[in-house]
Every structure is written in structure tokens, then in C-alpha cells.
Amino acid sequence: MIVFGFVLSLEMSAKDFITKFEYGQMLYRYPHGASCVACHGETGEGRAIAAYTDSAGRLVTLRGPDIRKATLEQIRRSVQKGQGVMPHYFLTEKEIATIYAYLRKVNERRENNISKLFAPNQR
């Protein structure tokens, strides 16, 4: 009986070990050894990946695209098939949906914080 209670308490505490937001953040930052954040930035805004000089002497910057307004289907397609320089990742449907939900939430929070900065003082 004591063992059952101990196992039950472990299971109950395990449910609260990590939130869906934290799981999405973990996947976005470190999904199976590759990092979305490296190319897409902290909130999906896009980031410079590399720069080089072409044969005409012009500086060319390779950028990860802004994915803040991408749909779940667009993200799913890019992750599962790769696109441009983006490789194919072996993420599950649930992992892709969790990354998508994380991006929505982190950008919603960002927008709310920006709105508060520019809102007139209320007295």
C-alpha cells in the first residue's frame, strides 16, 4: 500500500514537471539536436544565418525566414520536407503542434507587452 501511494505521488508530480509552453520552448530551442532559434530567432522573427561575398564582390546574407505568422500547416510542411536550406526534421505531429503553439503564445505575450508600453496611462 505504501509503495502504491509513493508511485501515485510520483505520477501526480510528474504531470506538473514541465508545462506545454516549456516543452514547446525546449523543442523550439533544441529540437533533437538542431535549433529552430538559430535560424528563426527567439520569437520566429528570422535571423541571419551566414554571410558571404558572391563572385561579383557583393555581400550576400542568408537569412532564416520570419515564421511568426506561419500556419501550422506551413510549419509542418517545412519541418517534414525541408525547404530551401532548411533540412528535414524527424519531429512527431505532436512536437510540431507544440512548437507552433509555443510560437503563438510567445508572440502573443510579446504583443501584449508592446501594447502595454504604448498604452496611455489610466488613472
N, C-alpha and C. Protein backbone atom coordinates (compact mmCIF):
# COMPACT_ATOMS: atom_id res chain seq x y z
N MET A 1 0.82 -1.20 0.00
CA MET A 1 0.00 0.00 0.00
C MET A 1 0.86 1.26 0.00
N ILE A 2 1.92 1.24 0.79
CA ILE A 2 2.83 2.39 0.84
C ILE A 2 3.50 2.60 -0.51
N VAL A 3 3.90 1.49 -1.16
CA VAL A 3 4.53 1.59 -2.48
C VAL A 3 3.56 2.19 -3.49
N PHE A 4 2.31 1.75 -3.47
CA PHE A 4 1.30 2.29 -4.37
C PHE A 4 1.15 3.80 -4.17
N GLY A 5 1.08 4.25 -2.92
CA GLY A 5 0.96 5.68 -2.62
C GLY A 5 2.16 6.47 -3.11
N PHE A 6 3.35 5.89 -2.96
CA PHE A 6 4.57 6.55 -3.43
C PHE A 6 4.57 6.67 -4.96
N VAL A 7 4.23 5.59 -5.65
CA VAL A 7 4.18 5.61 -7.11
C VAL A 7 3.11 6.60 -7.59
N LEU A 8 1.96 6.61 -6.93
CA LEU A 8 0.90 7.53 -7.29
C LEU A 8 1.35 8.98 -7.10
N SER A 9 2.05 9.25 -6.01
CA SER A 9 2.52 10.63 -5.79
C SER A 9 3.56 11.03 -6.81
N LEU A 10 4.42 10.11 -7.24
CA LEU A 10 5.40 10.41 -8.29
C LEU A 10 4.70 10.73 -9.60
N GLU A 11 3.68 9.95 -9.94
CA GLU A 11 2.94 10.18 -11.18
C GLU A 11 2.24 11.53 -11.15
N MET A 12 1.64 11.86 -10.03
CA MET A 12 0.93 13.13 -9.92
C MET A 12 1.91 14.30 -10.02
N SER A 13 3.09 14.20 -9.43
CA SER A 13 4.04 15.30 -9.50
C SER A 13 4.68 15.37 -10.88
N ALA A 14 4.78 14.24 -11.58
CA ALA A 14 5.37 14.22 -12.92
C ALA A 14 4.52 15.01 -13.90
N LYS A 15 3.21 15.04 -13.70
CA LYS A 15 2.33 15.77 -14.60
C LYS A 15 2.64 17.27 -14.59
N ASP A 16 3.12 17.76 -13.47
CA ASP A 16 3.43 19.18 -13.34
C ASP A 16 4.91 19.47 -13.55
N PHE A 17 5.67 18.50 -13.99
CA PHE A 17 7.10 18.66 -14.13
C PHE A 17 7.46 19.73 -15.16
N ILE A 18 6.75 19.75 -16.28
CA ILE A 18 7.02 20.71 -17.34
C ILE A 18 5.69 21.10 -17.98
N THR A 19 5.52 22.37 -18.25
CA THR A 19 4.28 22.83 -18.87
C THR A 19 4.37 22.65 -20.39
N LYS A 20 3.23 22.74 -21.06
CA LYS A 20 3.21 22.64 -22.52
C LYS A 20 4.04 23.78 -23.12
N PHE A 21 3.97 24.98 -22.55
CA PHE A 21 4.75 26.11 -23.02
C PHE A 21 6.25 25.81 -22.89
N GLU A 22 6.66 25.29 -21.74
CA GLU A 22 8.08 24.96 -21.53
C GLU A 22 8.55 23.86 -22.48
N TYR A 23 7.68 22.89 -22.73
CA TYR A 23 8.01 21.81 -23.66
C TYR A 23 8.18 22.38 -25.08
N GLY A 24 7.27 23.27 -25.48
CA GLY A 24 7.36 23.91 -26.79
C GLY A 24 8.64 24.74 -26.90
N GLN A 25 8.96 25.46 -25.83
CA GLN A 25 10.19 26.26 -25.80
C GLN A 25 11.42 25.36 -25.94
N MET A 26 11.42 24.26 -25.24
CA MET A 26 12.54 23.32 -25.33
C MET A 26 12.68 22.78 -26.75
N LEU A 27 11.57 22.38 -27.35
CA LEU A 27 11.62 21.86 -28.72
C LEU A 27 12.08 22.93 -29.70
N TYR A 28 11.58 24.16 -29.54
CA TYR A 28 11.94 25.25 -30.44
C TYR A 28 13.43 25.57 -30.34
N ARG A 29 13.94 25.57 -29.13
CA ARG A 29 15.35 25.92 -28.93
C ARG A 29 16.28 24.75 -29.20
N TYR A 30 15.86 23.52 -28.89
CA TYR A 30 16.74 22.35 -29.02
C TYR A 30 16.01 21.13 -29.56
N PRO A 31 15.35 21.22 -30.72
CA PRO A 31 14.60 20.04 -31.19
C PRO A 31 15.52 18.95 -31.73
N HIS A 32 15.75 17.95 -30.94
CA HIS A 32 16.51 16.76 -31.35
C HIS A 32 17.88 17.10 -31.93
N GLY A 33 18.58 18.01 -31.32
CA GLY A 33 19.93 18.32 -31.73
C GLY A 33 20.07 19.47 -32.71
N ALA A 34 18.97 20.00 -33.22
CA ALA A 34 19.02 21.16 -34.10
C ALA A 34 18.14 22.23 -33.46
N SER A 35 18.45 23.47 -33.72
CA SER A 35 17.76 24.54 -33.02
C SER A 35 17.02 25.46 -33.98
N CYS A 36 15.68 25.54 -33.87
CA CYS A 36 14.89 26.47 -34.69
C CYS A 36 15.37 27.90 -34.45
N VAL A 37 15.69 28.20 -33.19
CA VAL A 37 16.05 29.55 -32.79
C VAL A 37 17.31 30.04 -33.51
N ALA A 38 18.19 29.14 -33.90
CA ALA A 38 19.43 29.53 -34.57
C ALA A 38 19.16 30.25 -35.90
N CYS A 39 18.11 29.85 -36.60
CA CYS A 39 17.79 30.46 -37.90
C CYS A 39 16.57 31.37 -37.85
N HIS A 40 15.63 31.05 -36.96
CA HIS A 40 14.37 31.79 -36.92
C HIS A 40 14.27 32.79 -35.79
N GLY A 41 15.27 32.88 -34.92
CA GLY A 41 15.27 33.86 -33.85
C GLY A 41 14.41 33.44 -32.67
N GLU A 42 14.51 34.22 -31.60
CA GLU A 42 13.83 33.90 -30.33
C GLU A 42 12.31 33.79 -30.45
N THR A 43 11.72 34.60 -31.32
CA THR A 43 10.25 34.59 -31.44
C THR A 43 9.78 34.21 -32.84
N GLY A 44 10.69 33.72 -33.68
CA GLY A 44 10.34 33.34 -35.04
C GLY A 44 10.51 34.48 -36.04
N GLU A 45 11.16 35.56 -35.62
CA GLU A 45 11.29 36.76 -36.45
C GLU A 45 12.29 36.61 -37.61
N GLY A 46 13.04 35.55 -37.63
CA GLY A 46 14.06 35.35 -38.67
C GLY A 46 15.39 35.91 -38.19
N ARG A 47 16.46 35.32 -38.66
CA ARG A 47 17.79 35.71 -38.20
C ARG A 47 18.80 35.43 -39.31
N ALA A 48 19.84 36.23 -39.35
CA ALA A 48 20.93 35.98 -40.29
C ALA A 48 21.62 34.67 -39.91
N ILE A 49 21.80 33.82 -40.90
CA ILE A 49 22.43 32.52 -40.67
C ILE A 49 23.90 32.58 -41.06
N ALA A 50 24.16 33.17 -42.22
CA ALA A 50 25.53 33.24 -42.72
C ALA A 50 25.62 34.39 -43.72
N ALA A 51 26.82 34.85 -43.94
CA ALA A 51 27.06 35.89 -44.95
C ALA A 51 28.29 35.48 -45.76
N TYR A 52 28.25 35.81 -47.04
CA TYR A 52 29.39 35.50 -47.91
C TYR A 52 29.45 36.55 -49.01
N THR A 53 30.57 36.61 -49.68
CA THR A 53 30.75 37.51 -50.81
C THR A 53 30.60 36.69 -52.08
N ASP A 54 29.70 37.13 -52.97
CA ASP A 54 29.49 36.39 -54.21
C ASP A 54 30.59 36.71 -55.22
N SER A 55 30.51 36.09 -56.40
CA SER A 55 31.56 36.25 -57.41
C SER A 55 31.69 37.68 -57.92
N ALA A 56 30.63 38.51 -57.76
CA ALA A 56 30.68 39.91 -58.18
C ALA A 56 31.18 40.82 -57.05
N GLY A 57 31.54 40.22 -55.90
CA GLY A 57 32.05 41.00 -54.79
C GLY A 57 30.97 41.58 -53.89
N ARG A 58 29.71 41.17 -54.09
CA ARG A 58 28.61 41.67 -53.25
C ARG A 58 28.45 40.80 -52.02
N LEU A 59 28.15 41.44 -50.92
CA LEU A 59 27.88 40.72 -49.68
C LEU A 59 26.47 40.15 -49.75
N VAL A 60 26.34 38.87 -49.54
CA VAL A 60 25.04 38.19 -49.55
C VAL A 60 24.82 37.61 -48.16
N THR A 61 23.67 37.90 -47.58
CA THR A 61 23.33 37.36 -46.26
C THR A 61 22.21 36.35 -46.41
N LEU A 62 22.46 35.17 -45.90
CA LEU A 62 21.46 34.10 -45.90
C LEU A 62 20.69 34.23 -44.60
N ARG A 63 19.37 34.38 -44.69
CA ARG A 63 18.52 34.60 -43.51
C ARG A 63 17.49 33.50 -43.38
N GLY A 64 17.23 33.13 -42.13
CA GLY A 64 16.10 32.26 -41.84
C GLY A 64 14.85 33.11 -41.92
N PRO A 65 13.77 32.62 -42.50
CA PRO A 65 12.58 33.45 -42.67
C PRO A 65 11.82 33.72 -41.37
N ASP A 66 11.05 34.77 -41.40
CA ASP A 66 10.14 35.13 -40.31
C ASP A 66 8.99 34.12 -40.35
N ILE A 67 8.79 33.39 -39.26
CA ILE A 67 7.73 32.38 -39.22
C ILE A 67 6.66 32.71 -38.19
N ARG A 68 6.65 33.95 -37.71
CA ARG A 68 5.68 34.33 -36.67
C ARG A 68 4.24 34.21 -37.14
N LYS A 69 3.98 34.41 -38.42
CA LYS A 69 2.61 34.33 -38.92
C LYS A 69 2.37 33.09 -39.76
N ALA A 70 3.31 32.16 -39.73
CA ALA A 70 3.15 30.91 -40.47
C ALA A 70 2.03 30.08 -39.86
N THR A 71 1.32 29.38 -40.69
CA THR A 71 0.26 28.49 -40.20
C THR A 71 0.88 27.18 -39.72
N LEU A 72 0.11 26.43 -38.99
CA LEU A 72 0.56 25.12 -38.55
C LEU A 72 0.92 24.26 -39.75
N GLU A 73 0.11 24.31 -40.78
CA GLU A 73 0.37 23.50 -41.98
C GLU A 73 1.67 23.93 -42.67
N GLN A 74 1.95 25.23 -42.74
CA GLN A 74 3.20 25.69 -43.34
C GLN A 74 4.41 25.22 -42.55
N ILE A 75 4.31 25.30 -41.24
CA ILE A 75 5.41 24.84 -40.39
C ILE A 75 5.57 23.33 -40.52
N ARG A 76 4.47 22.60 -40.49
CA ARG A 76 4.51 21.14 -40.64
C ARG A 76 5.20 20.76 -41.95
N ARG A 77 4.80 21.39 -43.04
CA ARG A 77 5.36 21.07 -44.35
C ARG A 77 6.87 21.34 -44.39
N SER A 78 7.29 22.49 -43.83
CA SER A 78 8.71 22.84 -43.83
C SER A 78 9.52 21.88 -42.98
N VAL A 79 9.00 21.52 -41.83
CA VAL A 79 9.72 20.61 -40.92
C VAL A 79 9.81 19.22 -41.53
N GLN A 80 8.72 18.73 -42.10
CA GLN A 80 8.69 17.36 -42.58
C GLN A 80 9.40 17.17 -43.92
N LYS A 81 9.43 18.19 -44.76
CA LYS A 81 10.04 18.04 -46.08
C LYS A 81 11.32 18.83 -46.25
N GLY A 82 11.55 19.79 -45.36
CA GLY A 82 12.66 20.70 -45.56
C GLY A 82 12.27 21.72 -46.61
N GLN A 83 12.94 22.83 -46.63
CA GLN A 83 12.59 23.86 -47.59
C GLN A 83 13.79 24.79 -47.75
N GLY A 84 14.22 25.02 -48.98
CA GLY A 84 15.40 25.85 -49.19
C GLY A 84 16.59 25.22 -48.48
N VAL A 85 17.25 25.97 -47.62
CA VAL A 85 18.41 25.43 -46.89
C VAL A 85 17.99 24.71 -45.60
N MET A 86 16.71 24.77 -45.29
CA MET A 86 16.24 24.11 -44.07
C MET A 86 16.19 22.60 -44.28
N PRO A 87 16.84 21.85 -43.38
CA PRO A 87 16.80 20.40 -43.52
C PRO A 87 15.46 19.82 -43.06
N HIS A 88 15.26 18.57 -43.38
CA HIS A 88 14.10 17.82 -42.91
C HIS A 88 14.37 17.39 -41.48
N TYR A 89 13.37 17.56 -40.61
CA TYR A 89 13.49 17.12 -39.22
C TYR A 89 12.51 15.99 -38.96
N PHE A 90 12.87 15.08 -38.10
CA PHE A 90 12.03 13.94 -37.75
C PHE A 90 11.28 14.24 -36.46
N LEU A 91 10.38 15.21 -36.50
CA LEU A 91 9.56 15.56 -35.35
C LEU A 91 8.19 14.92 -35.51
N THR A 92 7.58 14.57 -34.40
CA THR A 92 6.24 14.00 -34.45
C THR A 92 5.22 15.12 -34.70
N GLU A 93 4.01 14.71 -35.05
CA GLU A 93 2.93 15.69 -35.23
C GLU A 93 2.71 16.49 -33.95
N LYS A 94 2.76 15.81 -32.81
CA LYS A 94 2.56 16.48 -31.53
C LYS A 94 3.68 17.48 -31.26
N GLU A 95 4.90 17.14 -31.57
CA GLU A 95 6.02 18.05 -31.36
C GLU A 95 5.89 19.29 -32.25
N ILE A 96 5.52 19.10 -33.50
CA ILE A 96 5.33 20.23 -34.42
C ILE A 96 4.21 21.13 -33.91
N ALA A 97 3.10 20.54 -33.50
CA ALA A 97 1.98 21.33 -32.97
C ALA A 97 2.37 22.07 -31.69
N THR A 98 3.22 21.46 -30.87
CA THR A 98 3.67 22.11 -29.64
C THR A 98 4.58 23.28 -29.95
N ILE A 99 5.46 23.14 -30.92
CA ILE A 99 6.31 24.26 -31.35
C ILE A 99 5.44 25.39 -31.88
N TYR A 100 4.45 25.05 -32.69
CA TYR A 100 3.53 26.05 -33.23
C TYR A 100 2.81 26.79 -32.10
N ALA A 101 2.30 26.04 -31.13
CA ALA A 101 1.59 26.66 -30.00
C ALA A 101 2.54 27.55 -29.20
N TYR A 102 3.77 27.12 -29.02
CA TYR A 102 4.78 27.93 -28.32
C TYR A 102 4.99 29.26 -29.05
N LEU A 103 5.18 29.20 -30.36
CA LEU A 103 5.39 30.43 -31.14
C LEU A 103 4.19 31.37 -31.02
N ARG A 104 2.98 30.82 -31.09
CA ARG A 104 1.78 31.66 -30.95
C ARG A 104 1.79 32.36 -29.59
N LYS A 105 2.05 31.59 -28.53
CA LYS A 105 2.00 32.12 -27.16
C LYS A 105 3.11 33.14 -26.91
N VAL A 106 4.33 32.85 -27.33
CA VAL A 106 5.44 33.77 -27.08
C VAL A 106 5.22 35.08 -27.83
N ASN A 107 4.63 35.03 -29.01
CA ASN A 107 4.37 36.25 -29.76
C ASN A 107 3.15 36.99 -29.23
N GLU A 108 2.18 36.26 -28.71
CA GLU A 108 1.04 36.91 -28.04
C GLU A 108 1.52 37.68 -26.82
N ARG A 109 2.39 37.08 -26.05
CA ARG A 109 2.96 37.75 -24.88
C ARG A 109 3.76 38.98 -25.29
N ARG A 110 4.54 38.85 -26.35
CA ARG A 110 5.34 39.97 -26.86
C ARG A 110 4.44 41.12 -27.29
N GLU A 111 3.39 40.81 -28.02
CA GLU A 111 2.45 41.84 -28.48
C GLU A 111 1.77 42.53 -27.30
N ASN A 112 1.38 41.75 -26.30
CA ASN A 112 0.74 42.33 -25.11
C ASN A 112 1.69 43.26 -24.38
N ASN A 113 2.96 42.88 -24.28
CA ASN A 113 3.94 43.74 -23.61
C ASN A 113 4.18 45.02 -24.39
N ILE A 114 4.22 44.94 -25.71
CA ILE A 114 4.40 46.14 -26.53
C ILE A 114 3.19 47.05 -26.39
N SER A 115 2.01 46.47 -26.41
CA SER A 115 0.78 47.26 -26.26
C SER A 115 0.76 48.00 -24.93
N LYS A 116 1.22 47.34 -23.88
CA LYS A 116 1.24 47.98 -22.56
C LYS A 116 2.23 49.15 -22.53
N LEU A 117 3.32 49.03 -23.25
CA LEU A 117 4.31 50.11 -23.27
C LEU A 117 3.75 51.39 -23.90
N PHE A 118 2.90 51.22 -24.90
CA PHE A 118 2.37 52.38 -25.63
C PHE A 118 0.96 52.77 -25.24
N ALA A 119 0.39 52.06 -24.28
CA ALA A 119 -0.97 52.39 -23.82
C ALA A 119 -0.93 53.68 -22.99
N PRO A 120 -1.91 54.55 -23.15
CA PRO A 120 -1.92 55.77 -22.34
C PRO A 120 -2.13 55.41 -20.86
N ASN A 121 -1.53 56.20 -20.00
CA ASN A 121 -1.70 55.96 -18.56
C ASN A 121 -3.16 56.11 -18.18
N GLN A 122 -3.62 55.14 -17.43
CA GLN A 122 -5.02 55.20 -16.98
C GLN A 122 -5.04 55.53 -15.50
N ARG A 123 -5.79 56.52 -15.14
CA ARG A 123 -5.90 56.92 -13.72
C ARG A 123 -7.33 56.98 -13.31
